[in-house]
Amino acid sequence: LPIALLAIRFGLRGGLVGALMGFVLVVTWDVYYSGYMNSMLTVEGYVTRGVAFLLLGTLLGIFVDERRRLEAEISRYFESSLDILTTIDLSGRFTRVNPACERALGYSGEAMRMRATIEFVHPDDREATIAEHSSLASGPHETVRFRNRFRTADGNYRWLEWSATSSSSDGVIYATARDITAQHEAEEQLANNSR
């Protein structure tokens, strides 16, 4: 137990300290409760226990350190992406938004998490957005290049193009988006000029 607790808290160093503590506790238990002469293990027995504790502490510590490194890498990617990255729960609320989302729409992440995502969607796009969310929430489904308008903090709307996938095991939808307002306006202008 001390090995796991220290490894979880301090990684490899904690795992090694926990291994040492575990070994000392076992030796102390043997000596104190069983009588020093009656149940002393052989030197090989103590060495075997020591190696086992050291191996367990090392493996747990390495695992924890590697997991932390991967989590930090994912977090750096999430925070530094120029694209909007979000997670949305199956009920339709943002659970996490990255700084790109905050910059594009002007809301803080906290303000976005306090309201249902549909509240940000343009009224004309809500029906299609609800249908797309329902498809994602109901099972394995992937959204590619879904477009809708999101209201910004200043009351204007930005066209966003979404790609998303759901994870029933995590109970969330992983979604990315790009602000395509300028592209959408250019497409409309081109369509109007060709008429």
N, C-alpha and C. Protein backbone atom coordinates (compact mmCIF):
# COMPACT_ATOMS: atom_id res chain seq x y z
N LEU A 1 0.81 -1.21 0.00
CA LEU A 1 0.00 0.00 0.00
C LEU A 1 0.85 1.26 0.00
N PRO A 2 1.90 1.36 0.85
CA PRO A 2 2.70 2.59 0.79
C PRO A 2 3.37 2.78 -0.56
N ILE A 3 3.72 1.67 -1.21
CA ILE A 3 4.37 1.77 -2.52
C ILE A 3 3.42 2.44 -3.51
N ALA A 4 2.19 1.94 -3.59
CA ALA A 4 1.22 2.49 -4.54
C ALA A 4 0.89 3.93 -4.22
N LEU A 5 0.66 4.25 -2.97
CA LEU A 5 0.29 5.62 -2.59
C LEU A 5 1.41 6.60 -2.92
N LEU A 6 2.63 6.25 -2.58
CA LEU A 6 3.74 7.16 -2.86
C LEU A 6 4.04 7.24 -4.36
N ALA A 7 3.88 6.13 -5.08
CA ALA A 7 4.10 6.16 -6.54
C ALA A 7 3.07 7.04 -7.21
N ILE A 8 1.82 6.94 -6.78
CA ILE A 8 0.77 7.77 -7.37
C ILE A 8 1.04 9.24 -7.10
N ARG A 9 1.53 9.55 -5.92
CA ARG A 9 1.75 10.95 -5.56
C ARG A 9 3.04 11.51 -6.15
N PHE A 10 4.13 10.72 -6.12
CA PHE A 10 5.45 11.26 -6.47
C PHE A 10 6.14 10.55 -7.63
N GLY A 11 5.47 9.63 -8.29
CA GLY A 11 6.07 8.96 -9.44
C GLY A 11 7.15 7.99 -9.05
N LEU A 12 8.23 7.93 -9.84
CA LEU A 12 9.29 6.95 -9.64
C LEU A 12 9.96 7.13 -8.28
N ARG A 13 10.27 8.37 -7.91
CA ARG A 13 10.89 8.60 -6.59
C ARG A 13 10.00 8.07 -5.49
N GLY A 14 8.71 8.35 -5.57
CA GLY A 14 7.77 7.86 -4.56
C GLY A 14 7.68 6.35 -4.54
N GLY A 15 7.72 5.74 -5.72
CA GLY A 15 7.68 4.29 -5.79
C GLY A 15 8.88 3.66 -5.13
N LEU A 16 10.06 4.25 -5.34
CA LEU A 16 11.27 3.72 -4.72
C LEU A 16 11.25 3.92 -3.21
N VAL A 17 10.82 5.10 -2.75
CA VAL A 17 10.72 5.34 -1.31
C VAL A 17 9.68 4.40 -0.71
N GLY A 18 8.55 4.21 -1.41
CA GLY A 18 7.52 3.28 -0.93
C GLY A 18 8.04 1.86 -0.84
N ALA A 19 8.86 1.46 -1.81
CA ALA A 19 9.45 0.11 -1.77
C ALA A 19 10.34 -0.04 -0.55
N LEU A 20 11.15 0.97 -0.28
CA LEU A 20 12.02 0.92 0.89
C LEU A 20 11.19 0.87 2.17
N MET A 21 10.15 1.70 2.25
CA MET A 21 9.28 1.69 3.43
C MET A 21 8.58 0.35 3.59
N GLY A 22 8.08 -0.21 2.50
CA GLY A 22 7.41 -1.51 2.57
C GLY A 22 8.34 -2.59 3.05
N PHE A 23 9.56 -2.58 2.55
CA PHE A 23 10.55 -3.57 2.97
C PHE A 23 10.86 -3.42 4.46
N VAL A 24 11.07 -2.20 4.91
CA VAL A 24 11.36 -1.95 6.32
C VAL A 24 10.18 -2.39 7.19
N LEU A 25 8.96 -2.13 6.75
CA LEU A 25 7.78 -2.55 7.52
C LEU A 25 7.71 -4.08 7.64
N VAL A 26 7.99 -4.78 6.56
CA VAL A 26 7.94 -6.24 6.59
C VAL A 26 9.02 -6.80 7.53
N VAL A 27 10.23 -6.26 7.44
CA VAL A 27 11.31 -6.72 8.32
C VAL A 27 10.96 -6.41 9.77
N THR A 28 10.44 -5.22 10.03
CA THR A 28 10.05 -4.84 11.39
C THR A 28 8.97 -5.76 11.91
N TRP A 29 8.01 -6.08 11.09
CA TRP A 29 6.93 -6.99 11.48
C TRP A 29 7.50 -8.36 11.86
N ASP A 30 8.38 -8.87 10.99
CA ASP A 30 8.98 -10.18 11.27
C ASP A 30 9.72 -10.17 12.61
N VAL A 31 10.51 -9.13 12.84
CA VAL A 31 11.33 -9.07 14.04
C VAL A 31 10.47 -8.83 15.27
N TYR A 32 9.57 -7.90 15.22
CA TYR A 32 8.81 -7.49 16.40
C TYR A 32 7.74 -8.51 16.80
N TYR A 33 6.96 -8.97 15.85
CA TYR A 33 5.82 -9.83 16.17
C TYR A 33 6.15 -11.31 16.20
N SER A 34 7.17 -11.73 15.51
CA SER A 34 7.45 -13.16 15.45
C SER A 34 8.65 -13.56 16.28
N GLY A 35 9.29 -12.60 16.85
CA GLY A 35 10.50 -12.91 17.61
C GLY A 35 11.69 -12.99 16.69
N TYR A 36 12.75 -12.35 17.08
CA TYR A 36 13.91 -12.19 16.21
C TYR A 36 14.50 -13.54 15.80
N MET A 37 14.61 -14.46 16.69
CA MET A 37 15.28 -15.72 16.40
C MET A 37 14.34 -16.77 15.80
N ASN A 38 13.05 -16.69 16.11
CA ASN A 38 12.15 -17.76 15.71
C ASN A 38 11.82 -17.78 14.22
N SER A 39 11.62 -16.62 13.62
CA SER A 39 11.13 -16.65 12.24
C SER A 39 11.94 -15.78 11.30
N MET A 40 13.17 -15.57 11.63
CA MET A 40 14.01 -14.78 10.72
C MET A 40 14.14 -15.49 9.37
N LEU A 41 13.88 -14.77 8.32
CA LEU A 41 14.10 -15.33 7.00
C LEU A 41 15.60 -15.45 6.75
N THR A 42 15.93 -16.22 5.82
CA THR A 42 17.33 -16.29 5.42
C THR A 42 17.69 -14.99 4.72
N VAL A 43 18.95 -14.76 4.58
CA VAL A 43 19.41 -13.57 3.86
C VAL A 43 18.83 -13.56 2.46
N GLU A 44 18.79 -14.72 1.82
CA GLU A 44 18.23 -14.79 0.47
C GLU A 44 16.75 -14.41 0.46
N GLY A 45 16.04 -14.80 1.52
CA GLY A 45 14.62 -14.45 1.62
C GLY A 45 14.40 -12.95 1.71
N TYR A 46 15.24 -12.29 2.52
CA TYR A 46 15.12 -10.84 2.62
C TYR A 46 15.55 -10.14 1.34
N VAL A 47 16.58 -10.66 0.70
CA VAL A 47 17.02 -10.09 -0.58
C VAL A 47 15.91 -10.25 -1.62
N THR A 48 15.27 -11.42 -1.64
CA THR A 48 14.17 -11.65 -2.59
C THR A 48 13.03 -10.68 -2.34
N ARG A 49 12.67 -10.50 -1.07
CA ARG A 49 11.61 -9.54 -0.75
C ARG A 49 12.02 -8.13 -1.14
N GLY A 50 13.26 -7.78 -0.85
CA GLY A 50 13.74 -6.43 -1.19
C GLY A 50 13.68 -6.17 -2.68
N VAL A 51 14.12 -7.16 -3.47
CA VAL A 51 14.10 -7.02 -4.93
C VAL A 51 12.65 -6.91 -5.43
N ALA A 52 11.77 -7.72 -4.85
CA ALA A 52 10.35 -7.67 -5.26
C ALA A 52 9.75 -6.30 -4.96
N PHE A 53 10.01 -5.78 -3.76
CA PHE A 53 9.51 -4.44 -3.42
C PHE A 53 10.09 -3.38 -4.35
N LEU A 54 11.39 -3.47 -4.61
CA LEU A 54 12.04 -2.50 -5.48
C LEU A 54 11.48 -2.56 -6.90
N LEU A 55 11.26 -3.76 -7.41
CA LEU A 55 10.69 -3.92 -8.75
C LEU A 55 9.28 -3.35 -8.81
N LEU A 56 8.46 -3.67 -7.83
CA LEU A 56 7.09 -3.15 -7.79
C LEU A 56 7.08 -1.63 -7.73
N GLY A 57 7.91 -1.07 -6.85
CA GLY A 57 7.98 0.40 -6.73
C GLY A 57 8.45 1.06 -8.00
N THR A 58 9.45 0.46 -8.65
CA THR A 58 9.97 1.01 -9.90
C THR A 58 8.92 0.97 -11.01
N LEU A 59 8.26 -0.18 -11.16
CA LEU A 59 7.24 -0.30 -12.21
C LEU A 59 6.08 0.66 -11.99
N LEU A 60 5.58 0.73 -10.76
CA LEU A 60 4.48 1.67 -10.48
C LEU A 60 4.92 3.11 -10.71
N GLY A 61 6.12 3.46 -10.26
CA GLY A 61 6.62 4.82 -10.44
C GLY A 61 6.78 5.19 -11.91
N ILE A 62 7.34 4.28 -12.71
CA ILE A 62 7.51 4.54 -14.14
C ILE A 62 6.15 4.70 -14.81
N PHE A 63 5.20 3.84 -14.46
CA PHE A 63 3.86 3.94 -15.03
C PHE A 63 3.23 5.30 -14.72
N VAL A 64 3.32 5.74 -13.47
CA VAL A 64 2.73 7.02 -13.08
C VAL A 64 3.43 8.17 -13.79
N ASP A 65 4.76 8.15 -13.86
CA ASP A 65 5.49 9.21 -14.55
C ASP A 65 5.11 9.28 -16.03
N GLU A 66 5.00 8.12 -16.67
CA GLU A 66 4.64 8.09 -18.10
C GLU A 66 3.23 8.61 -18.31
N ARG A 67 2.31 8.22 -17.45
CA ARG A 67 0.95 8.71 -17.56
C ARG A 67 0.89 10.23 -17.40
N ARG A 68 1.60 10.76 -16.44
CA ARG A 68 1.63 12.22 -16.25
C ARG A 68 2.22 12.92 -17.46
N ARG A 69 3.28 12.34 -18.05
CA ARG A 69 3.89 12.94 -19.23
C ARG A 69 2.89 12.98 -20.38
N LEU A 70 2.16 11.88 -20.59
CA LEU A 70 1.17 11.84 -21.67
C LEU A 70 0.02 12.82 -21.41
N GLU A 71 -0.45 12.90 -20.19
CA GLU A 71 -1.52 13.85 -19.85
C GLU A 71 -1.07 15.29 -20.08
N ALA A 72 0.17 15.60 -19.71
CA ALA A 72 0.70 16.95 -19.93
C ALA A 72 0.82 17.25 -21.43
N GLU A 73 1.22 16.26 -22.21
CA GLU A 73 1.34 16.43 -23.66
C GLU A 73 -0.03 16.68 -24.29
N ILE A 74 -1.02 15.92 -23.89
CA ILE A 74 -2.37 16.10 -24.40
C ILE A 74 -2.91 17.48 -24.00
N SER A 75 -2.66 17.87 -22.77
CA SER A 75 -3.12 19.17 -22.29
C SER A 75 -2.46 20.31 -23.07
N ARG A 76 -1.14 20.19 -23.35
CA ARG A 76 -0.45 21.22 -24.14
C ARG A 76 -1.06 21.31 -25.54
N TYR A 77 -1.35 20.16 -26.15
CA TYR A 77 -1.96 20.15 -27.47
C TYR A 77 -3.33 20.84 -27.42
N PHE A 78 -4.13 20.46 -26.43
CA PHE A 78 -5.47 21.03 -26.28
C PHE A 78 -5.41 22.54 -26.09
N GLU A 79 -4.50 23.01 -25.26
CA GLU A 79 -4.41 24.43 -24.94
C GLU A 79 -3.81 25.25 -26.08
N SER A 80 -2.92 24.66 -26.87
CA SER A 80 -2.22 25.45 -27.89
C SER A 80 -2.83 25.35 -29.28
N SER A 81 -3.83 24.51 -29.47
CA SER A 81 -4.42 24.34 -30.79
C SER A 81 -5.07 25.64 -31.28
N LEU A 82 -4.91 25.92 -32.56
CA LEU A 82 -5.57 27.07 -33.16
C LEU A 82 -7.02 26.74 -33.52
N ASP A 83 -7.32 25.45 -33.64
CA ASP A 83 -8.69 25.03 -33.88
C ASP A 83 -9.45 24.98 -32.57
N ILE A 84 -10.77 25.10 -32.66
CA ILE A 84 -11.62 24.97 -31.49
C ILE A 84 -11.69 23.49 -31.12
N LEU A 85 -11.38 23.19 -29.87
CA LEU A 85 -11.47 21.82 -29.36
C LEU A 85 -12.39 21.84 -28.15
N THR A 86 -13.37 20.95 -28.15
CA THR A 86 -14.32 20.91 -27.05
C THR A 86 -14.68 19.47 -26.72
N THR A 87 -15.19 19.30 -25.51
CA THR A 87 -15.90 18.07 -25.16
C THR A 87 -17.28 18.51 -24.71
N ILE A 88 -18.26 17.73 -25.11
CA ILE A 88 -19.66 18.04 -24.82
C ILE A 88 -20.28 16.79 -24.22
N ASP A 89 -20.97 16.95 -23.09
CA ASP A 89 -21.60 15.75 -22.51
C ASP A 89 -22.82 15.36 -23.33
N LEU A 90 -23.36 14.19 -23.06
CA LEU A 90 -24.45 13.67 -23.88
C LEU A 90 -25.75 14.45 -23.70
N SER A 91 -25.84 15.25 -22.62
CA SER A 91 -27.02 16.09 -22.44
C SER A 91 -26.91 17.40 -23.23
N GLY A 92 -25.74 17.67 -23.78
CA GLY A 92 -25.60 18.86 -24.63
C GLY A 92 -24.96 20.05 -23.96
N ARG A 93 -24.09 19.84 -22.98
CA ARG A 93 -23.37 20.93 -22.33
C ARG A 93 -21.87 20.77 -22.56
N PHE A 94 -21.21 21.90 -22.77
CA PHE A 94 -19.76 21.86 -22.87
C PHE A 94 -19.19 21.39 -21.53
N THR A 95 -18.23 20.48 -21.59
CA THR A 95 -17.52 20.10 -20.37
C THR A 95 -16.11 20.66 -20.36
N ARG A 96 -15.60 20.96 -21.56
CA ARG A 96 -14.28 21.56 -21.68
C ARG A 96 -14.19 22.29 -23.00
N VAL A 97 -13.61 23.47 -22.98
CA VAL A 97 -13.34 24.23 -24.20
C VAL A 97 -11.91 24.73 -24.12
N ASN A 98 -11.26 24.84 -25.26
CA ASN A 98 -9.88 25.32 -25.25
C ASN A 98 -9.84 26.83 -25.47
N PRO A 99 -8.68 27.45 -25.30
CA PRO A 99 -8.56 28.91 -25.48
C PRO A 99 -8.97 29.38 -26.88
N ALA A 100 -8.79 28.56 -27.92
CA ALA A 100 -9.19 28.96 -29.27
C ALA A 100 -10.70 29.18 -29.33
N CYS A 101 -11.46 28.37 -28.62
CA CYS A 101 -12.91 28.53 -28.56
C CYS A 101 -13.26 29.83 -27.85
N GLU A 102 -12.58 30.10 -26.77
CA GLU A 102 -12.82 31.34 -26.02
C GLU A 102 -12.50 32.56 -26.89
N ARG A 103 -11.39 32.49 -27.65
CA ARG A 103 -11.02 33.61 -28.53
C ARG A 103 -12.03 33.80 -29.65
N ALA A 104 -12.47 32.70 -30.26
CA ALA A 104 -13.37 32.79 -31.42
C ALA A 104 -14.74 33.33 -31.03
N LEU A 105 -15.24 32.92 -29.87
CA LEU A 105 -16.61 33.29 -29.49
C LEU A 105 -16.68 34.39 -28.44
N GLY A 106 -15.60 34.62 -27.74
CA GLY A 106 -15.56 35.73 -26.78
C GLY A 106 -16.07 35.39 -25.39
N TYR A 107 -16.50 34.18 -25.16
CA TYR A 107 -16.98 33.77 -23.83
C TYR A 107 -15.84 33.09 -23.08
N SER A 108 -15.88 33.17 -21.78
CA SER A 108 -14.94 32.38 -20.99
C SER A 108 -15.39 30.92 -21.02
N GLY A 109 -14.46 30.03 -20.75
CA GLY A 109 -14.81 28.62 -20.69
C GLY A 109 -15.87 28.35 -19.64
N GLU A 110 -15.77 29.03 -18.52
CA GLU A 110 -16.76 28.86 -17.45
C GLU A 110 -18.15 29.28 -17.90
N ALA A 111 -18.24 30.42 -18.60
CA ALA A 111 -19.54 30.89 -19.10
C ALA A 111 -20.13 29.91 -20.10
N MET A 112 -19.29 29.29 -20.90
CA MET A 112 -19.80 28.33 -21.89
C MET A 112 -20.27 27.05 -21.21
N ARG A 113 -19.57 26.62 -20.17
CA ARG A 113 -19.96 25.39 -19.47
C ARG A 113 -21.25 25.55 -18.66
N MET A 114 -21.63 26.77 -18.37
CA MET A 114 -22.82 27.02 -17.56
C MET A 114 -24.12 26.93 -18.36
N ARG A 115 -24.01 26.93 -19.70
CA ARG A 115 -25.22 26.93 -20.54
C ARG A 115 -25.19 25.78 -21.52
N ALA A 116 -26.38 25.37 -21.94
CA ALA A 116 -26.48 24.32 -22.96
C ALA A 116 -25.89 24.83 -24.27
N THR A 117 -25.25 23.97 -25.02
CA THR A 117 -24.63 24.39 -26.27
C THR A 117 -25.65 24.96 -27.24
N ILE A 118 -26.87 24.44 -27.22
CA ILE A 118 -27.90 24.88 -28.16
C ILE A 118 -28.24 26.35 -27.96
N GLU A 119 -28.01 26.89 -26.78
CA GLU A 119 -28.28 28.31 -26.52
C GLU A 119 -27.38 29.23 -27.33
N PHE A 120 -26.23 28.72 -27.76
CA PHE A 120 -25.30 29.52 -28.54
C PHE A 120 -25.59 29.46 -30.04
N VAL A 121 -26.43 28.51 -30.44
CA VAL A 121 -26.67 28.25 -31.86
C VAL A 121 -27.74 29.18 -32.40
N HIS A 122 -27.54 29.65 -33.62
CA HIS A 122 -28.52 30.51 -34.31
C HIS A 122 -29.86 29.78 -34.39
N PRO A 123 -30.99 30.47 -34.14
CA PRO A 123 -32.30 29.81 -34.17
C PRO A 123 -32.56 29.01 -35.45
N ASP A 124 -32.11 29.50 -36.60
CA ASP A 124 -32.34 28.79 -37.86
C ASP A 124 -31.54 27.48 -37.98
N ASP A 125 -30.50 27.35 -37.16
CA ASP A 125 -29.63 26.17 -37.24
C ASP A 125 -29.89 25.18 -36.10
N ARG A 126 -30.81 25.49 -35.22
CA ARG A 126 -31.00 24.65 -34.02
C ARG A 126 -31.55 23.26 -34.34
N GLU A 127 -32.51 23.18 -35.22
CA GLU A 127 -33.11 21.88 -35.53
C GLU A 127 -32.06 20.91 -36.06
N ALA A 128 -31.26 21.36 -37.01
CA ALA A 128 -30.21 20.50 -37.58
C ALA A 128 -29.15 20.17 -36.53
N THR A 129 -28.84 21.13 -35.67
CA THR A 129 -27.84 20.90 -34.62
C THR A 129 -28.32 19.88 -33.61
N ILE A 130 -29.59 19.98 -33.22
CA ILE A 130 -30.17 19.01 -32.27
C ILE A 130 -30.16 17.62 -32.88
N ALA A 131 -30.51 17.51 -34.16
CA ALA A 131 -30.51 16.21 -34.84
C ALA A 131 -29.11 15.62 -34.89
N GLU A 132 -28.12 16.44 -35.19
CA GLU A 132 -26.73 15.96 -35.25
C GLU A 132 -26.24 15.53 -33.87
N HIS A 133 -26.57 16.32 -32.85
CA HIS A 133 -26.18 15.96 -31.48
C HIS A 133 -26.84 14.64 -31.07
N SER A 134 -28.10 14.48 -31.41
CA SER A 134 -28.82 13.24 -31.07
C SER A 134 -28.17 12.03 -31.72
N SER A 135 -27.76 12.18 -32.97
CA SER A 135 -27.08 11.07 -33.67
C SER A 135 -25.77 10.72 -32.97
N LEU A 136 -25.04 11.73 -32.54
CA LEU A 136 -23.78 11.48 -31.85
C LEU A 136 -24.02 10.85 -30.48
N ALA A 137 -25.03 11.34 -29.77
CA ALA A 137 -25.30 10.87 -28.40
C ALA A 137 -25.89 9.46 -28.38
N SER A 138 -26.52 9.04 -29.47
CA SER A 138 -27.22 7.75 -29.45
C SER A 138 -26.33 6.56 -29.78
N GLY A 139 -25.12 6.78 -30.21
CA GLY A 139 -24.27 5.64 -30.51
C GLY A 139 -23.12 6.01 -31.40
N PRO A 140 -22.45 5.01 -31.93
CA PRO A 140 -21.29 5.30 -32.77
C PRO A 140 -21.70 6.11 -34.00
N HIS A 141 -21.23 7.30 -34.06
CA HIS A 141 -21.55 8.19 -35.17
C HIS A 141 -20.41 9.18 -35.30
N GLU A 142 -20.15 9.59 -36.50
CA GLU A 142 -19.10 10.57 -36.73
C GLU A 142 -19.66 11.71 -37.54
N THR A 143 -19.38 12.91 -37.10
CA THR A 143 -19.81 14.10 -37.81
C THR A 143 -18.61 14.67 -38.55
N VAL A 144 -18.80 15.01 -39.81
CA VAL A 144 -17.72 15.61 -40.59
C VAL A 144 -18.28 16.81 -41.34
N ARG A 145 -17.66 17.95 -41.15
CA ARG A 145 -17.97 19.20 -41.86
C ARG A 145 -19.42 19.65 -41.67
N PHE A 146 -19.92 19.52 -40.45
CA PHE A 146 -21.25 20.03 -40.13
C PHE A 146 -21.12 21.52 -39.83
N ARG A 147 -21.98 22.32 -40.45
CA ARG A 147 -21.90 23.77 -40.29
C ARG A 147 -23.11 24.31 -39.54
N ASN A 148 -22.82 25.27 -38.65
CA ASN A 148 -23.88 26.03 -38.00
C ASN A 148 -23.29 27.37 -37.55
N ARG A 149 -24.19 28.25 -37.12
CA ARG A 149 -23.77 29.57 -36.65
C ARG A 149 -23.83 29.60 -35.13
N PHE A 150 -22.77 30.12 -34.52
CA PHE A 150 -22.71 30.28 -33.07
C PHE A 150 -22.68 31.76 -32.73
N ARG A 151 -23.47 32.10 -31.71
CA ARG A 151 -23.50 33.50 -31.25
C ARG A 151 -22.23 33.81 -30.46
N THR A 152 -21.66 34.95 -30.74
CA THR A 152 -20.48 35.40 -30.01
C THR A 152 -20.92 36.27 -28.84
N ALA A 153 -19.98 36.58 -27.97
CA ALA A 153 -20.28 37.38 -26.78
C ALA A 153 -20.79 38.77 -27.14
N ASP A 154 -20.41 39.30 -28.31
CA ASP A 154 -20.89 40.63 -28.72
C ASP A 154 -22.22 40.59 -29.47
N GLY A 155 -22.84 39.40 -29.56
CA GLY A 155 -24.17 39.28 -30.17
C GLY A 155 -24.16 38.94 -31.64
N ASN A 156 -23.01 38.91 -32.28
CA ASN A 156 -22.92 38.52 -33.68
C ASN A 156 -22.87 36.99 -33.79
N TYR A 157 -22.88 36.50 -35.02
CA TYR A 157 -22.79 35.06 -35.25
C TYR A 157 -21.59 34.75 -36.11
N ARG A 158 -20.93 33.63 -35.79
CA ARG A 158 -19.80 33.13 -36.57
C ARG A 158 -20.19 31.77 -37.12
N TRP A 159 -19.86 31.52 -38.38
CA TRP A 159 -20.07 30.20 -38.98
C TRP A 159 -18.95 29.29 -38.52
N LEU A 160 -19.33 28.14 -37.96
CA LEU A 160 -18.35 27.14 -37.54
C LEU A 160 -18.57 25.85 -38.33
N GLU A 161 -17.49 25.17 -38.64
CA GLU A 161 -17.57 23.87 -39.30
C GLU A 161 -17.01 22.84 -38.34
N TRP A 162 -17.86 21.87 -37.99
CA TRP A 162 -17.56 20.91 -36.94
C TRP A 162 -17.22 19.53 -37.48
N SER A 163 -16.33 18.87 -36.78
CA SER A 163 -16.12 17.43 -36.90
C SER A 163 -16.21 16.89 -35.48
N ALA A 164 -16.88 15.76 -35.31
CA ALA A 164 -17.08 15.24 -33.95
C ALA A 164 -17.24 13.73 -33.97
N THR A 165 -16.95 13.16 -32.84
CA THR A 165 -17.17 11.73 -32.62
C THR A 165 -17.58 11.54 -31.17
N SER A 166 -18.39 10.52 -30.93
CA SER A 166 -18.85 10.29 -29.56
C SER A 166 -18.13 9.11 -28.95
N SER A 167 -18.06 9.12 -27.63
CA SER A 167 -17.46 8.02 -26.89
C SER A 167 -18.44 7.61 -25.80
N SER A 168 -19.10 6.48 -26.01
CA SER A 168 -20.08 6.04 -25.02
C SER A 168 -19.39 5.66 -23.71
N SER A 169 -18.16 5.17 -23.78
CA SER A 169 -17.46 4.80 -22.54
C SER A 169 -17.11 6.03 -21.70
N ASP A 170 -16.81 7.16 -22.35
CA ASP A 170 -16.50 8.39 -21.62
C ASP A 170 -17.76 9.23 -21.38
N GLY A 171 -18.82 8.96 -22.13
CA GLY A 171 -20.05 9.74 -21.99
C GLY A 171 -19.92 11.15 -22.51
N VAL A 172 -19.04 11.35 -23.49
CA VAL A 172 -18.85 12.69 -24.05
C VAL A 172 -18.72 12.62 -25.57
N ILE A 173 -18.86 13.79 -26.15
CA ILE A 173 -18.64 13.98 -27.58
C ILE A 173 -17.38 14.81 -27.72
N TYR A 174 -16.43 14.34 -28.52
CA TYR A 174 -15.21 15.09 -28.79
C TYR A 174 -15.43 15.84 -30.09
N ALA A 175 -15.31 17.16 -30.04
CA ALA A 175 -15.62 17.96 -31.22
C ALA A 175 -14.53 18.99 -31.50
N THR A 176 -14.26 19.17 -32.78
CA THR A 176 -13.36 20.23 -33.23
C THR A 176 -14.13 21.10 -34.21
N ALA A 177 -13.74 22.36 -34.26
CA ALA A 177 -14.41 23.28 -35.18
C ALA A 177 -13.43 24.32 -35.67
N ARG A 178 -13.77 24.88 -36.82
CA ARG A 178 -13.02 26.01 -37.38
C ARG A 178 -14.00 27.12 -37.68
N ASP A 179 -13.54 28.33 -37.46
CA ASP A 179 -14.33 29.50 -37.82
C ASP A 179 -14.20 29.67 -39.33
N ILE A 180 -15.31 29.46 -40.05
CA ILE A 180 -15.29 29.55 -41.52
C ILE A 180 -16.17 30.71 -41.99
N THR A 181 -16.34 31.71 -41.13
CA THR A 181 -17.22 32.83 -41.49
C THR A 181 -16.78 33.49 -42.79
N ALA A 182 -15.50 33.80 -42.94
CA ALA A 182 -15.01 34.45 -44.16
C ALA A 182 -15.21 33.54 -45.37
N GLN A 183 -14.95 32.25 -45.21
CA GLN A 183 -15.13 31.30 -46.30
C GLN A 183 -16.60 31.22 -46.70
N HIS A 184 -17.50 31.16 -45.71
CA HIS A 184 -18.93 31.07 -45.99
C HIS A 184 -19.42 32.32 -46.74
N GLU A 185 -18.96 33.48 -46.30
CA GLU A 185 -19.35 34.72 -46.98
C GLU A 185 -18.83 34.74 -48.41
N ALA A 186 -17.61 34.27 -48.63
CA ALA A 186 -17.06 34.21 -49.99
C ALA A 186 -17.85 33.24 -50.85
N GLU A 187 -18.26 32.10 -50.28
CA GLU A 187 -19.07 31.13 -51.02
C GLU A 187 -20.42 31.73 -51.40
N GLU A 188 -21.05 32.47 -50.48
CA GLU A 188 -22.33 33.10 -50.78
C GLU A 188 -22.18 34.16 -51.86
N GLN A 189 -21.11 34.95 -51.77
CA GLN A 189 -20.83 35.99 -52.77
C GLN A 189 -20.66 35.37 -54.14
N LEU A 190 -19.91 34.27 -54.20
CA LEU A 190 -19.67 33.58 -55.47
C LEU A 190 -20.99 33.01 -56.03
N ALA A 191 -21.81 32.45 -55.14
CA ALA A 191 -23.10 31.90 -55.58
C ALA A 191 -24.00 33.01 -56.10
N ASN A 192 -24.01 34.17 -55.43
CA ASN A 192 -24.83 35.30 -55.86
C ASN A 192 -24.35 35.86 -57.20
N ASN A 193 -23.04 35.90 -57.41
CA ASN A 193 -22.49 36.44 -58.65
C ASN A 193 -22.74 35.52 -59.84
N SER A 194 -22.89 34.22 -59.57
CA SER A 194 -23.10 33.28 -60.68
C SER A 194 -24.55 33.21 -61.11
N ARG A 195 -25.44 33.89 -60.39
CA ARG A 195 -26.87 33.87 -60.78
C ARG A 195 -27.17 34.90 -61.85
